[in-house]
N, C-alpha and C. Protein backbone atom coordinates (compact mmCIF):
# COMPACT_ATOMS: atom_id res chain seq x y z
N UNK A 1 24.65 91.33 80.31
CA UNK A 1 23.89 90.19 79.66
C UNK A 1 23.79 90.17 78.31
N UNK A 2 23.82 89.00 77.66
CA UNK A 2 23.59 88.91 76.10
C UNK A 2 22.35 88.80 75.68
N UNK A 3 22.02 89.34 74.59
CA UNK A 3 20.63 89.38 74.11
C UNK A 3 20.43 87.92 73.60
N UNK A 4 19.10 87.44 73.61
CA UNK A 4 18.73 86.00 73.23
C UNK A 4 18.96 86.19 71.64
N UNK A 5 19.28 84.99 71.09
CA UNK A 5 19.59 84.91 69.68
C UNK A 5 18.37 84.83 68.98
N UNK A 6 18.10 85.42 67.91
CA UNK A 6 16.78 85.31 67.12
C UNK A 6 16.95 84.13 66.14
N UNK A 7 15.81 83.71 65.68
CA UNK A 7 15.69 82.58 64.83
C UNK A 7 16.05 83.13 63.44
N UNK A 8 16.75 82.37 62.53
CA UNK A 8 17.10 82.85 61.20
C UNK A 8 15.98 82.51 60.26
N UNK A 9 15.74 83.43 59.30
CA UNK A 9 14.76 83.22 58.32
C UNK A 9 15.29 82.06 57.31
N UNK A 10 14.40 81.68 56.46
CA UNK A 10 14.71 80.61 55.41
C UNK A 10 15.68 81.22 54.63
N UNK A 11 15.62 82.46 54.05
CA UNK A 11 16.63 83.09 53.34
C UNK A 11 17.99 83.13 53.94
N UNK A 12 18.01 83.60 55.14
CA UNK A 12 19.27 83.60 55.91
C UNK A 12 19.93 82.34 55.99
N UNK A 13 19.04 81.12 56.35
CA UNK A 13 19.70 79.85 56.43
C UNK A 13 20.30 79.57 54.94
N UNK A 14 19.61 79.80 54.02
CA UNK A 14 20.08 79.37 52.61
C UNK A 14 21.25 80.22 52.41
N UNK A 15 21.38 81.46 52.64
CA UNK A 15 22.75 82.30 52.49
C UNK A 15 23.85 81.88 53.30
N UNK A 16 23.44 81.35 54.44
CA UNK A 16 24.58 80.79 55.40
C UNK A 16 25.20 79.53 54.87
N UNK A 17 24.12 78.66 54.38
CA UNK A 17 24.60 77.33 53.60
C UNK A 17 25.35 77.67 52.41
N UNK A 18 25.03 78.58 51.49
CA UNK A 18 25.72 79.03 50.35
C UNK A 18 27.07 79.41 50.71
N UNK A 19 27.22 80.28 51.74
CA UNK A 19 28.52 80.87 52.16
C UNK A 19 29.35 79.59 52.50
N UNK A 20 28.83 78.89 53.39
CA UNK A 20 29.58 77.68 53.88
C UNK A 20 30.28 76.86 52.62
N UNK A 21 29.37 76.66 51.73
CA UNK A 21 29.84 75.96 50.54
C UNK A 21 30.95 76.67 49.62
N UNK A 22 30.70 78.02 49.63
CA UNK A 22 31.85 78.87 48.96
C UNK A 22 33.13 78.73 49.67
N UNK A 23 33.07 78.82 50.99
CA UNK A 23 34.26 78.70 51.83
C UNK A 23 34.90 77.36 51.58
N UNK A 24 34.12 76.35 51.59
CA UNK A 24 34.65 75.05 51.46
C UNK A 24 35.28 74.73 50.15
N UNK A 25 34.78 75.45 49.09
CA UNK A 25 35.25 75.34 47.74
C UNK A 25 36.67 76.06 47.67
N UNK A 26 36.72 77.26 48.16
CA UNK A 26 37.88 78.20 48.12
C UNK A 26 39.01 77.81 49.15
N UNK A 27 38.69 77.22 50.16
CA UNK A 27 39.65 76.89 51.32
C UNK A 27 40.67 75.90 50.66
N UNK A 28 41.91 76.35 50.90
CA UNK A 28 43.00 75.30 50.42
C UNK A 28 42.89 73.92 51.14
N UNK A 29 43.18 72.82 50.44
CA UNK A 29 43.17 71.69 51.05
C UNK A 29 44.38 71.52 52.13
N UNK A 30 44.01 70.81 53.20
CA UNK A 30 45.18 70.66 54.26
C UNK A 30 46.15 69.64 53.70
N UNK A 31 47.38 69.95 53.92
CA UNK A 31 48.59 69.32 53.54
C UNK A 31 49.45 68.82 54.67
N UNK A 32 48.84 68.64 55.80
CA UNK A 32 49.49 68.34 57.07
C UNK A 32 50.35 67.15 56.87
N UNK A 33 49.62 66.09 56.51
CA UNK A 33 50.39 64.76 56.23
C UNK A 33 51.70 64.88 55.36
N UNK A 34 51.47 65.50 54.28
CA UNK A 34 52.63 65.90 53.49
C UNK A 34 53.74 66.57 54.04
N UNK A 35 53.33 67.51 54.76
CA UNK A 35 54.23 68.41 55.53
C UNK A 35 54.98 67.67 56.38
N UNK A 36 54.21 66.76 57.23
CA UNK A 36 54.94 65.84 58.27
C UNK A 36 56.02 64.95 57.67
N UNK A 37 55.52 64.39 56.50
CA UNK A 37 56.44 63.37 55.81
C UNK A 37 57.65 64.06 55.32
N UNK A 38 57.62 65.30 54.63
CA UNK A 38 58.69 66.10 54.31
C UNK A 38 59.55 66.52 55.38
N UNK A 39 58.98 67.00 56.50
CA UNK A 39 59.79 67.30 57.59
C UNK A 39 60.65 66.23 58.17
N UNK A 40 60.02 65.01 58.13
CA UNK A 40 60.63 63.85 58.72
C UNK A 40 61.78 63.43 57.78
N UNK A 41 61.51 63.50 56.51
CA UNK A 41 62.63 63.02 55.50
C UNK A 41 63.66 64.15 55.50
N UNK A 42 63.49 65.37 55.44
CA UNK A 42 64.66 66.19 55.48
C UNK A 42 65.24 66.37 56.75
N UNK A 43 64.56 66.24 57.89
CA UNK A 43 65.32 66.22 59.15
C UNK A 43 66.14 65.03 59.25
N UNK A 44 65.71 63.81 58.83
CA UNK A 44 66.32 62.70 58.81
C UNK A 44 67.63 62.69 57.84
N UNK A 45 67.51 63.33 56.79
CA UNK A 45 68.62 63.57 55.85
C UNK A 45 69.67 64.44 56.54
N UNK A 46 69.36 65.52 57.20
CA UNK A 46 70.26 66.33 57.97
C UNK A 46 71.00 65.48 58.98
N UNK A 47 70.23 64.66 59.74
CA UNK A 47 70.79 63.70 60.74
C UNK A 47 71.79 62.78 60.15
N UNK A 48 71.37 62.31 58.93
CA UNK A 48 72.22 61.36 58.27
C UNK A 48 73.56 62.06 57.71
N UNK A 49 73.29 63.29 57.40
CA UNK A 49 74.59 64.09 56.94
C UNK A 49 75.46 64.22 58.14
N UNK A 50 74.96 64.72 59.36
CA UNK A 50 75.65 64.83 60.41
C UNK A 50 76.38 63.47 60.94
N UNK A 51 75.77 62.25 60.66
CA UNK A 51 76.42 61.02 61.05
C UNK A 51 77.52 60.77 59.95
N UNK A 52 77.43 61.12 58.75
CA UNK A 52 78.42 61.09 57.64
C UNK A 52 79.58 61.92 58.15
N UNK A 53 79.40 63.11 58.40
CA UNK A 53 80.33 64.09 58.78
C UNK A 53 81.09 63.51 59.98
N UNK A 54 80.51 63.07 61.11
CA UNK A 54 81.16 62.42 62.25
C UNK A 54 82.05 61.37 61.84
N UNK A 55 81.58 60.35 60.92
CA UNK A 55 82.35 59.28 60.57
C UNK A 55 83.48 59.69 59.81
N UNK A 56 83.36 60.76 58.92
CA UNK A 56 84.42 61.09 58.02
C UNK A 56 85.52 61.87 59.10
N UNK A 57 84.99 62.66 59.87
CA UNK A 57 85.98 63.28 61.02
C UNK A 57 86.68 62.35 61.86
N UNK A 58 86.05 61.18 62.23
CA UNK A 58 86.71 60.14 63.07
C UNK A 58 87.79 59.48 62.24
N UNK A 59 87.42 59.18 61.01
CA UNK A 59 88.52 58.49 60.26
C UNK A 59 89.63 59.44 59.84
N UNK A 60 89.35 60.58 59.37
CA UNK A 60 90.38 61.57 58.90
C UNK A 60 91.31 62.11 59.95
N UNK A 61 90.55 62.57 61.15
CA UNK A 61 91.23 63.24 62.19
C UNK A 61 91.53 62.60 63.42
N UNK A 62 90.99 61.24 63.51
CA UNK A 62 90.95 60.40 64.81
C UNK A 62 90.44 61.06 65.71
N UNK A 63 89.17 61.46 65.71
CA UNK A 63 88.53 62.23 66.81
C UNK A 63 87.80 61.38 67.81
N UNK A 64 88.02 61.67 69.09
CA UNK A 64 87.23 60.89 70.16
C UNK A 64 85.66 61.37 70.09
N UNK A 65 84.94 60.89 71.02
CA UNK A 65 83.50 61.09 70.94
C UNK A 65 83.19 62.48 71.15
N UNK A 66 83.90 63.15 72.33
CA UNK A 66 83.52 64.47 72.62
C UNK A 66 83.97 65.51 71.50
N UNK A 67 85.10 65.18 70.80
CA UNK A 67 85.51 66.16 69.68
C UNK A 67 84.73 65.94 68.51
N UNK A 68 84.17 64.62 68.48
CA UNK A 68 83.39 64.33 67.24
C UNK A 68 82.03 65.09 67.33
N UNK A 69 81.47 65.18 68.45
CA UNK A 69 80.15 65.89 68.52
C UNK A 69 80.41 67.47 68.08
N UNK A 70 81.42 68.05 68.64
CA UNK A 70 81.71 69.34 68.45
C UNK A 70 82.02 69.61 66.84
N UNK A 71 82.80 68.58 66.36
CA UNK A 71 83.11 68.80 64.89
C UNK A 71 81.85 68.65 64.04
N UNK A 72 81.01 67.69 64.25
CA UNK A 72 79.73 67.63 63.49
C UNK A 72 78.89 68.84 63.70
N UNK A 73 78.72 69.43 64.82
CA UNK A 73 77.92 70.74 65.14
C UNK A 73 78.47 71.73 64.39
N UNK A 74 79.88 72.02 64.55
CA UNK A 74 80.35 73.14 63.81
C UNK A 74 80.24 72.96 62.35
N UNK A 75 80.44 71.96 61.90
CA UNK A 75 80.29 71.65 60.31
C UNK A 75 79.02 71.93 59.91
N UNK A 76 77.95 71.42 60.60
CA UNK A 76 76.55 71.43 60.07
C UNK A 76 76.18 73.01 60.31
N UNK A 77 76.57 73.64 61.22
CA UNK A 77 76.39 75.11 61.31
C UNK A 77 76.91 75.95 60.22
N UNK A 78 78.31 75.58 60.02
CA UNK A 78 78.93 76.24 58.74
C UNK A 78 78.32 75.89 57.43
N UNK A 79 77.73 74.71 57.20
CA UNK A 79 77.26 74.45 55.93
C UNK A 79 75.81 75.15 55.74
N UNK A 80 75.13 75.15 56.91
CA UNK A 80 73.77 75.81 56.84
C UNK A 80 73.96 77.30 56.68
N UNK A 81 75.06 77.90 57.39
CA UNK A 81 75.41 79.49 57.15
C UNK A 81 75.63 79.72 55.82
N UNK A 82 76.52 78.80 55.11
CA UNK A 82 76.88 79.08 53.72
C UNK A 82 75.66 78.90 52.76
N UNK A 83 74.78 78.00 53.11
CA UNK A 83 73.66 77.85 52.18
C UNK A 83 72.61 78.78 52.49
N UNK A 84 72.45 79.38 53.65
CA UNK A 84 71.71 80.56 53.86
C UNK A 84 72.12 81.76 53.07
N UNK A 85 73.59 81.87 53.28
CA UNK A 85 74.15 83.21 52.62
C UNK A 85 74.07 83.09 51.08
N UNK A 86 73.86 82.08 50.42
CA UNK A 86 73.85 81.95 49.00
C UNK A 86 72.43 81.78 48.61
N UNK A 87 71.42 81.75 49.56
CA UNK A 87 69.96 81.69 49.37
C UNK A 87 69.37 80.24 49.05
N UNK A 88 70.13 79.24 49.28
CA UNK A 88 69.67 77.90 49.16
C UNK A 88 68.88 77.33 50.26
N UNK A 89 69.14 77.69 51.36
CA UNK A 89 68.56 77.11 52.70
C UNK A 89 67.17 77.51 52.79
N UNK A 90 66.89 78.74 52.34
CA UNK A 90 65.50 79.19 52.47
C UNK A 90 64.54 78.35 51.51
N UNK A 91 65.00 78.15 50.32
CA UNK A 91 64.35 77.11 49.52
C UNK A 91 64.17 75.89 50.07
N UNK A 92 65.23 75.23 50.57
CA UNK A 92 65.10 73.95 51.32
C UNK A 92 63.95 74.13 52.39
N UNK A 93 64.02 75.12 53.15
CA UNK A 93 63.05 75.33 54.24
C UNK A 93 61.65 75.48 53.77
N UNK A 94 61.34 76.00 52.64
CA UNK A 94 60.01 76.04 51.97
C UNK A 94 59.51 74.67 51.79
N UNK A 95 60.30 73.86 51.42
CA UNK A 95 60.02 72.27 51.20
C UNK A 95 59.93 71.58 52.51
N UNK A 96 61.06 71.64 53.27
CA UNK A 96 61.30 70.88 54.45
C UNK A 96 60.34 71.30 55.52
N UNK A 97 60.08 72.61 55.81
CA UNK A 97 59.41 72.97 57.02
C UNK A 97 60.26 72.91 58.21
N UNK A 98 59.67 72.19 59.11
CA UNK A 98 60.20 71.93 60.55
C UNK A 98 61.40 71.10 60.42
N UNK A 99 61.48 70.26 59.35
CA UNK A 99 62.76 69.35 59.20
C UNK A 99 63.87 70.16 58.97
N UNK A 100 63.81 71.36 58.50
CA UNK A 100 64.94 72.11 58.49
C UNK A 100 65.37 73.18 59.52
N UNK A 101 64.22 73.24 60.33
CA UNK A 101 64.35 74.28 61.45
C UNK A 101 64.73 73.75 62.78
N UNK A 102 64.39 72.47 62.89
CA UNK A 102 64.51 71.95 64.30
C UNK A 102 65.90 71.38 64.48
N UNK A 103 66.56 70.89 63.37
CA UNK A 103 68.03 70.47 63.69
C UNK A 103 68.93 71.86 64.05
N UNK A 104 70.17 71.55 64.38
CA UNK A 104 71.08 72.66 64.60
C UNK A 104 71.24 73.66 63.33
N UNK A 105 70.96 73.06 62.12
CA UNK A 105 70.95 73.80 61.03
C UNK A 105 70.02 74.92 61.01
N UNK A 106 68.84 74.75 61.44
CA UNK A 106 67.90 75.89 61.75
C UNK A 106 68.45 77.00 62.60
N UNK A 107 69.10 76.59 63.75
CA UNK A 107 69.75 77.71 64.49
C UNK A 107 70.62 78.68 63.62
N UNK A 108 71.49 77.89 62.87
CA UNK A 108 72.48 78.60 62.08
C UNK A 108 71.76 79.63 61.15
N UNK A 109 70.58 79.03 60.52
CA UNK A 109 69.84 79.95 59.43
C UNK A 109 69.22 80.94 60.23
N UNK A 110 68.51 80.88 61.46
CA UNK A 110 68.16 81.92 62.24
C UNK A 110 69.02 82.95 62.57
N UNK A 111 70.38 82.61 62.60
CA UNK A 111 71.35 83.73 62.98
C UNK A 111 71.75 84.46 61.66
N UNK A 112 72.01 83.74 60.59
CA UNK A 112 72.56 84.14 59.36
C UNK A 112 71.56 85.11 58.54
N UNK A 113 70.17 84.53 58.41
CA UNK A 113 69.24 85.09 57.71
C UNK A 113 68.84 86.50 57.90
N UNK A 114 68.72 86.97 59.20
CA UNK A 114 68.48 88.39 59.43
C UNK A 114 69.66 89.26 59.20
N UNK A 115 70.89 88.71 59.37
CA UNK A 115 71.99 89.37 59.20
C UNK A 115 72.27 89.69 57.66
N UNK A 116 71.86 88.67 56.87
CA UNK A 116 71.96 88.84 55.37
C UNK A 116 71.02 89.84 54.89
N UNK A 117 69.78 89.86 55.39
CA UNK A 117 68.83 90.88 55.16
C UNK A 117 69.11 92.31 55.34
N UNK A 118 70.01 92.49 56.44
CA UNK A 118 70.48 93.91 56.77
C UNK A 118 71.90 94.25 56.43
N UNK A 119 72.52 93.56 55.47
CA UNK A 119 73.86 93.64 55.03
C UNK A 119 74.11 95.12 54.28
N UNK A 120 72.98 95.59 53.81
CA UNK A 120 73.16 96.99 53.08
C UNK A 120 73.32 98.06 54.10
N UNK A 121 73.05 97.86 55.21
CA UNK A 121 73.23 98.81 56.29
C UNK A 121 74.50 98.93 56.88
N UNK A 122 75.43 97.94 56.43
CA UNK A 122 76.97 97.98 56.85
C UNK A 122 77.24 96.78 57.82
N UNK A 123 78.37 96.72 58.09
CA UNK A 123 78.82 95.61 58.79
C UNK A 123 78.41 95.63 60.31
N UNK A 124 78.66 96.77 60.91
CA UNK A 124 78.36 96.95 62.30
C UNK A 124 76.78 97.20 62.53
N UNK A 125 76.20 98.08 61.97
CA UNK A 125 74.74 98.44 62.30
C UNK A 125 73.88 97.49 61.42
N UNK A 126 74.38 96.87 60.49
CA UNK A 126 73.47 95.86 59.70
C UNK A 126 73.73 94.39 60.19
N UNK A 127 74.84 93.86 59.74
CA UNK A 127 75.15 92.40 59.84
C UNK A 127 75.35 92.09 61.35
N UNK A 128 76.23 92.83 62.05
CA UNK A 128 76.40 92.44 63.41
C UNK A 128 75.25 92.82 64.38
N UNK A 129 74.64 93.89 64.05
CA UNK A 129 73.50 94.17 64.96
C UNK A 129 72.30 93.19 64.80
N UNK A 130 72.21 92.61 63.68
CA UNK A 130 71.00 91.78 63.45
C UNK A 130 71.36 90.23 63.58
N UNK A 131 72.58 89.94 63.86
CA UNK A 131 72.96 88.47 64.00
C UNK A 131 72.00 87.73 64.96
N UNK A 132 71.69 88.24 66.08
CA UNK A 132 70.89 87.49 67.03
C UNK A 132 69.61 87.96 67.20
N UNK A 133 69.05 88.75 66.29
CA UNK A 133 67.54 89.28 66.37
C UNK A 133 66.51 88.30 66.54
N UNK A 134 66.71 87.17 65.81
CA UNK A 134 65.78 86.11 65.93
C UNK A 134 66.18 84.99 66.98
N UNK A 135 67.56 84.57 66.82
CA UNK A 135 67.95 83.53 67.83
C UNK A 135 68.25 84.06 69.21
N UNK A 136 68.35 85.24 69.48
CA UNK A 136 68.78 86.09 70.73
C UNK A 136 67.70 85.62 71.69
N UNK A 137 66.39 86.11 71.50
CA UNK A 137 65.30 85.84 72.52
C UNK A 137 65.14 84.24 72.80
N UNK A 138 65.47 83.27 71.78
CA UNK A 138 65.34 81.92 72.07
C UNK A 138 66.48 81.64 72.93
N UNK A 139 67.67 82.00 72.68
CA UNK A 139 68.84 81.81 73.55
C UNK A 139 68.54 82.30 74.93
N UNK A 140 68.26 83.52 75.10
CA UNK A 140 67.96 84.16 76.41
C UNK A 140 66.98 83.27 77.34
N UNK A 141 65.83 83.05 76.70
CA UNK A 141 64.79 82.45 77.43
C UNK A 141 65.24 80.82 77.57
N UNK A 142 65.95 80.22 76.71
CA UNK A 142 66.52 78.80 76.88
C UNK A 142 67.46 78.89 78.03
N UNK A 143 68.50 79.80 77.97
CA UNK A 143 69.45 79.86 79.16
C UNK A 143 68.82 80.15 80.41
N UNK A 144 68.00 81.22 80.53
CA UNK A 144 67.38 81.61 81.69
C UNK A 144 66.51 80.53 82.31
N UNK A 145 65.70 79.90 81.48
CA UNK A 145 64.88 78.66 82.01
C UNK A 145 65.76 77.52 82.58
N UNK A 146 66.94 77.25 81.97
CA UNK A 146 67.75 76.20 82.26
C UNK A 146 68.40 76.63 83.63
N UNK A 147 68.66 77.88 83.84
CA UNK A 147 69.27 78.18 85.12
C UNK A 147 68.31 78.27 86.20
N UNK A 148 67.09 78.68 85.99
CA UNK A 148 65.93 78.58 87.05
C UNK A 148 65.73 77.15 87.35
N UNK A 149 65.63 76.32 86.43
CA UNK A 149 65.35 74.91 86.60
C UNK A 149 66.44 74.38 87.52
N UNK A 150 67.79 74.61 87.15
CA UNK A 150 68.75 74.25 87.85
C UNK A 150 69.01 74.66 89.30
N UNK A 151 68.41 75.96 89.54
CA UNK A 151 68.50 76.55 90.89
C UNK A 151 67.27 75.74 91.58
N UNK A 152 66.22 75.57 90.96
CA UNK A 152 65.09 74.80 91.80
C UNK A 152 65.55 73.25 92.12
N UNK A 153 66.29 72.70 91.31
CA UNK A 153 66.83 71.31 91.44
C UNK A 153 67.78 71.45 92.60
N UNK A 154 68.77 72.37 92.72
CA UNK A 154 69.63 72.56 93.72
C UNK A 154 68.79 72.71 94.99
N UNK A 155 67.89 73.61 95.12
CA UNK A 155 67.27 73.83 96.38
C UNK A 155 66.40 72.60 96.79
N UNK A 156 65.84 71.85 95.82
CA UNK A 156 65.12 70.59 96.32
C UNK A 156 66.20 69.56 96.73
N UNK A 157 67.18 69.56 96.26
CA UNK A 157 68.32 68.58 96.63
C UNK A 157 68.80 68.90 98.05
N UNK A 158 68.97 70.21 98.38
CA UNK A 158 69.23 70.53 99.63
C UNK A 158 68.32 70.12 100.75
N UNK A 159 67.13 69.88 100.50
CA UNK A 159 66.01 69.58 101.36
C UNK A 159 65.96 68.14 101.52
N UNK A 160 66.58 67.24 100.86
CA UNK A 160 66.45 65.85 100.65
C UNK A 160 67.29 65.20 101.76
């Protein structure tokens, strides 16, 4: 059982009010709206870049729709990996937030960034061992959940 709360004295009430005012002054202002707008703009810019890459690939290499999708994905992953390797993608990520993480470029960054951090440990124990340290669990849980959902769908379909 909990103790009943005691009433605060006038001095304690004043101290609480002063503390709340101090916290209110020192607390950083919310920038949620700005962050959402930046994420939208940067995510949209990445999608526009993907569209441009697809259009160029279709014109230059006469790609069909299936090949076009793969071409765009591989190219965006490569660009993001290079930008991560030279330290530019992290700067973009600080401004863009989720706009740089949600597209496929974020996947590329999540693979390359840990590998780059551990490159001083060598190719095998550093770079290769750390490639999937962030993206690995996401892939495992994503693939596992899709297999489980697929099995459930098959079982449900058997009883129809």
